[in-house]
Amino acid sequence: VQLQASGGGLVQAGDSLRLSCARSGRTFSSDVMGWFRQAPGKEREFVAGIMWNGYIPKYADSAKGRFTISSDNAKNTVYLQMNSLKPEDTAVYYCATKSRGASRYGTWGQGTQVTVSS
């Protein structure tokens, strides 16, 4: 399995961005896809996750109400729609995947930089 993240950029506070994570390789509907982020000097943190079949989306408190994770099986892509962006959302965003029930995400894509100016 390989993951390719894209869609980052430089935006102003209040703007929106949509990140994409294209997946190649064998896929099971029960696989879990996640978005994480890492800001400079901070640890990587969970942002949102969803099962590949679109079920059971989950969000970090910082993402609830502003971010939406979704999957498009036909395009083998998972999206993270980010609205009302804040400067504190500035980070490198990573997508990752794991088998359902696995304790850790085992496959990671390269990061995409999101910078939100005030």
C-alpha atoms as a PDB file:
ATOM      1  CA  VAL A   1       0.000   0.000   0.000  1.00  0.00           C
ATOM      2  CA  GLN A   2       1.215   3.490  -0.851  1.00  0.00           C
ATOM      3  CA  LEU A   3      -0.291   6.824   0.120  1.00  0.00           C
ATOM      4  CA  GLN A   4       0.137  10.166  -1.613  1.00  0.00           C
ATOM      5  CA  ALA A   5      -1.044  13.292   0.175  1.00  0.00           C
ATOM      6  CA  SER A   6      -1.666  16.587  -1.589  1.00  0.00           C
ATOM      7  CA  GLY A   7      -3.634  19.799  -1.369  1.00  0.00           C
ATOM      8  CA  GLY A   8      -1.711  21.829   1.154  1.00  0.00           C
ATOM      9  CA  GLY A   9      -0.909  25.479   0.694  1.00  0.00           C
ATOM     10  CA  LEU A  10      -0.754  28.954   2.149  1.00  0.00           C
ATOM     11  CA  VAL A  11      -4.093  30.464   3.078  1.00  0.00           C
ATOM     12  CA  GLN A  12      -5.469  33.166   5.324  1.00  0.00           C
ATOM     13  CA  ALA A  13      -7.353  32.626   8.547  1.00  0.00           C
ATOM     14  CA  GLY A  14     -10.973  31.762   7.813  1.00  0.00           C
ATOM     15  CA  ASP A  15     -10.192  30.175   4.451  1.00  0.00           C
ATOM     16  CA  SER A  16     -10.744  26.568   3.437  1.00  0.00           C
ATOM     17  CA  LEU A  17      -8.546  23.827   2.021  1.00  0.00           C
ATOM     18  CA  ARG A  18      -9.193  20.279   0.936  1.00  0.00           C
ATOM     19  CA  LEU A  19      -6.463  17.738   1.397  1.00  0.00           C
ATOM     20  CA  SER A  20      -6.432  14.547  -0.626  1.00  0.00           C
ATOM     21  CA  CYS A  21      -4.802  11.214   0.101  1.00  0.00           C
ATOM     22  CA  ALA A  22      -4.619   8.869  -2.861  1.00  0.00           C
ATOM     23  CA  ARG A  23      -4.176   5.219  -2.000  1.00  0.00           C
ATOM     24  CA  SER A  24      -2.737   2.503  -4.192  1.00  0.00           C
ATOM     25  CA  GLY A  25      -2.458  -1.207  -3.479  1.00  0.00           C
ATOM     26  CA  ARG A  26      -4.773  -3.711  -1.868  1.00  0.00           C
ATOM     27  CA  THR A  27      -7.628  -2.174   0.070  1.00  0.00           C
ATOM     28  CA  PHE A  28     -10.129  -3.641   2.478  1.00  0.00           C
ATOM     29  CA  SER A  29     -13.340  -1.804   3.284  1.00  0.00           C
ATOM     30  CA  SER A  30     -12.589  -2.185   6.965  1.00  0.00           C
ATOM     31  CA  ASP A  31      -9.202  -0.475   6.724  1.00  0.00           C
ATOM     32  CA  VAL A  32      -8.936   2.758   8.655  1.00  0.00           C
ATOM     33  CA  MET A  33      -7.613   5.946   7.098  1.00  0.00           C
ATOM     34  CA  GLY A  34      -6.367   8.768   9.254  1.00  0.00           C
ATOM     35  CA  TRP A  35      -5.116  12.305   8.996  1.00  0.00           C
ATOM     36  CA  PHE A  36      -2.461  13.540  11.388  1.00  0.00           C
ATOM     37  CA  ARG A  37      -0.539  16.769  11.671  1.00  0.00           C
ATOM     38  CA  GLN A  38       2.707  17.957  13.142  1.00  0.00           C
ATOM     39  CA  ALA A  39       3.449  21.569  13.892  1.00  0.00           C
ATOM     40  CA  PRO A  40       7.017  22.831  14.396  1.00  0.00           C
ATOM     41  CA  GLY A  41       8.289  21.860  17.816  1.00  0.00           C
ATOM     42  CA  LYS A  42       5.229  19.781  18.598  1.00  0.00           C
ATOM     43  CA  GLU A  43       4.402  16.108  18.540  1.00  0.00           C
ATOM     44  CA  ARG A  44       2.365  14.597  15.758  1.00  0.00           C
ATOM     45  CA  GLU A  45      -1.318  14.561  16.618  1.00  0.00           C
ATOM     46  CA  PHE A  46      -4.407  12.811  15.340  1.00  0.00           C
ATOM     47  CA  VAL A  47      -6.810  15.002  13.382  1.00  0.00           C
ATOM     48  CA  ALA A  48      -9.462  12.707  11.896  1.00  0.00           C
ATOM     49  CA  GLY A  49     -10.045   9.107  10.889  1.00  0.00           C
ATOM     50  CA  ILE A  50     -12.530   7.075   8.931  1.00  0.00           C
ATOM     51  CA  MET A  51     -13.049   3.541   7.757  1.00  0.00           C
ATOM     52  CA  TRP A  52     -12.336   3.066   4.078  1.00  0.00           C
ATOM     53  CA  ASN A  53     -16.011   2.278   3.524  1.00  0.00           C
ATOM     54  CA  GLY A  54     -16.916   5.681   4.936  1.00  0.00           C
ATOM     55  CA  TYR A  55     -18.189   4.496   8.267  1.00  0.00           C
ATOM     56  CA  ILE A  56     -17.466   5.822  11.721  1.00  0.00           C
ATOM     57  CA  PRO A  57     -15.625   9.098  11.150  1.00  0.00           C
ATOM     58  CA  LYS A  58     -13.815  10.377  14.205  1.00  0.00           C
ATOM     59  CA  TYR A  59     -12.322  13.769  14.936  1.00  0.00           C
ATOM     60  CA  ALA A  60      -9.976  15.396  17.367  1.00  0.00           C
ATOM     61  CA  ASP A  61     -11.634  18.092  19.438  1.00  0.00           C
ATOM     62  CA  SER A  62      -9.669  20.713  17.510  1.00  0.00           C
ATOM     63  CA  ALA A  63     -11.205  19.498  14.246  1.00  0.00           C
ATOM     64  CA  LYS A  64     -14.812  18.983  15.270  1.00  0.00           C
ATOM     65  CA  GLY A  65     -17.209  21.320  13.528  1.00  0.00           C
ATOM     66  CA  ARG A  66     -14.589  22.626  11.107  1.00  0.00           C
ATOM     67  CA  PHE A  67     -13.040  19.598   9.394  1.00  0.00           C
ATOM     68  CA  THR A  68     -14.761  16.797   7.523  1.00  0.00           C
ATOM     69  CA  ILE A  69     -13.133  13.520   6.533  1.00  0.00           C
ATOM     70  CA  SER A  70     -14.603  11.480   3.698  1.00  0.00           C
ATOM     71  CA  SER A  71     -13.658   8.627   1.405  1.00  0.00           C
ATOM     72  CA  ASP A  72     -14.259   8.039  -2.286  1.00  0.00           C
ATOM     73  CA  ASN A  73     -13.756   4.376  -3.035  1.00  0.00           C
ATOM     74  CA  ALA A  74     -14.082   4.874  -6.782  1.00  0.00           C
ATOM     75  CA  LYS A  75     -11.110   7.236  -6.727  1.00  0.00           C
ATOM     76  CA  ASN A  76      -9.221   5.392  -3.957  1.00  0.00           C
ATOM     77  CA  THR A  77      -8.937   8.720  -2.206  1.00  0.00           C
ATOM     78  CA  VAL A  78      -9.646  10.066   1.255  1.00  0.00           C
ATOM     79  CA  TYR A  79     -10.262  13.763   1.732  1.00  0.00           C
ATOM     80  CA  LEU A  80      -9.970  16.188   4.593  1.00  0.00           C
ATOM     81  CA  GLN A  81     -12.081  19.275   4.046  1.00  0.00           C
ATOM     82  CA  MET A  82     -10.841  22.003   6.347  1.00  0.00           C
ATOM     83  CA  ASN A  83     -12.981  25.088   6.866  1.00  0.00           C
ATOM     84  CA  SER A  84     -12.572  28.157   9.050  1.00  0.00           C
ATOM     85  CA  LEU A  85      -8.842  27.587   9.225  1.00  0.00           C
ATOM     86  CA  LYS A  86      -6.896  29.132  12.069  1.00  0.00           C
ATOM     87  CA  PRO A  87      -3.197  29.980  12.394  1.00  0.00           C
ATOM     88  CA  GLU A  88      -2.906  27.161  14.921  1.00  0.00           C
ATOM     89  CA  ASP A  89      -3.863  24.703  12.168  1.00  0.00           C
ATOM     90  CA  THR A  90      -0.494  25.402  10.552  1.00  0.00           C
ATOM     91  CA  ALA A  91       1.357  22.089  10.320  1.00  0.00           C
ATOM     92  CA  VAL A  92       2.521  19.351   8.031  1.00  0.00           C
ATOM     93  CA  TYR A  93      -0.433  17.059   7.450  1.00  0.00           C
ATOM     94  CA  TYR A  94       0.035  13.337   6.927  1.00  0.00           C
ATOM     95  CA  CYS A  95      -2.342  10.598   5.891  1.00  0.00           C
ATOM     96  CA  ALA A  96      -1.929   7.077   7.162  1.00  0.00           C
ATOM     97  CA  THR A  97      -3.688   3.740   7.139  1.00  0.00           C
ATOM     98  CA  LYS A  98      -4.026   0.680   9.330  1.00  0.00           C
ATOM     99  CA  SER A  99      -6.058  -2.454   9.456  1.00  0.00           C
ATOM    100  CA  ARG A 100      -9.124  -2.256  11.622  1.00  0.00           C
ATOM    101  CA  GLY A 101      -8.193  -3.409  15.077  1.00  0.00           C
ATOM    102  CA  ALA A 102      -4.524  -2.625  14.664  1.00  0.00           C
ATOM    103  CA  SER A 103      -3.088  -0.515  17.436  1.00  0.00           C
ATOM    104  CA  ARG A 104      -0.923   1.652  15.215  1.00  0.00           C
ATOM    105  CA  TYR A 105      -1.020   3.156  11.758  1.00  0.00           C
ATOM    106  CA  GLY A 106       1.539   1.226   9.767  1.00  0.00           C
ATOM    107  CA  THR A 107       1.653   3.000   6.416  1.00  0.00           C
ATOM    108  CA  TRP A 108       2.206   6.706   6.027  1.00  0.00           C
ATOM    109  CA  GLY A 109       2.176   9.104   3.137  1.00  0.00           C
ATOM    110  CA  GLN A 110       4.518  12.009   2.717  1.00  0.00           C
ATOM    111  CA  GLY A 111       3.343  15.203   4.358  1.00  0.00           C
ATOM    112  CA  THR A 112       1.694  18.218   2.806  1.00  0.00           C
ATOM    113  CA  GLN A 113       2.306  21.632   4.312  1.00  0.00           C
ATOM    114  CA  VAL A 114      -0.620  23.753   5.450  1.00  0.00           C
ATOM    115  CA  THR A 115       0.172  27.311   6.477  1.00  0.00           C
ATOM    116  CA  VAL A 116      -2.525  29.617   7.786  1.00  0.00           C
ATOM    117  CA  SER A 117      -1.649  33.275   8.111  1.00  0.00           C
ATOM    118  CA  SER A 118      -3.441  35.615  10.481  1.00  0.00           C
END
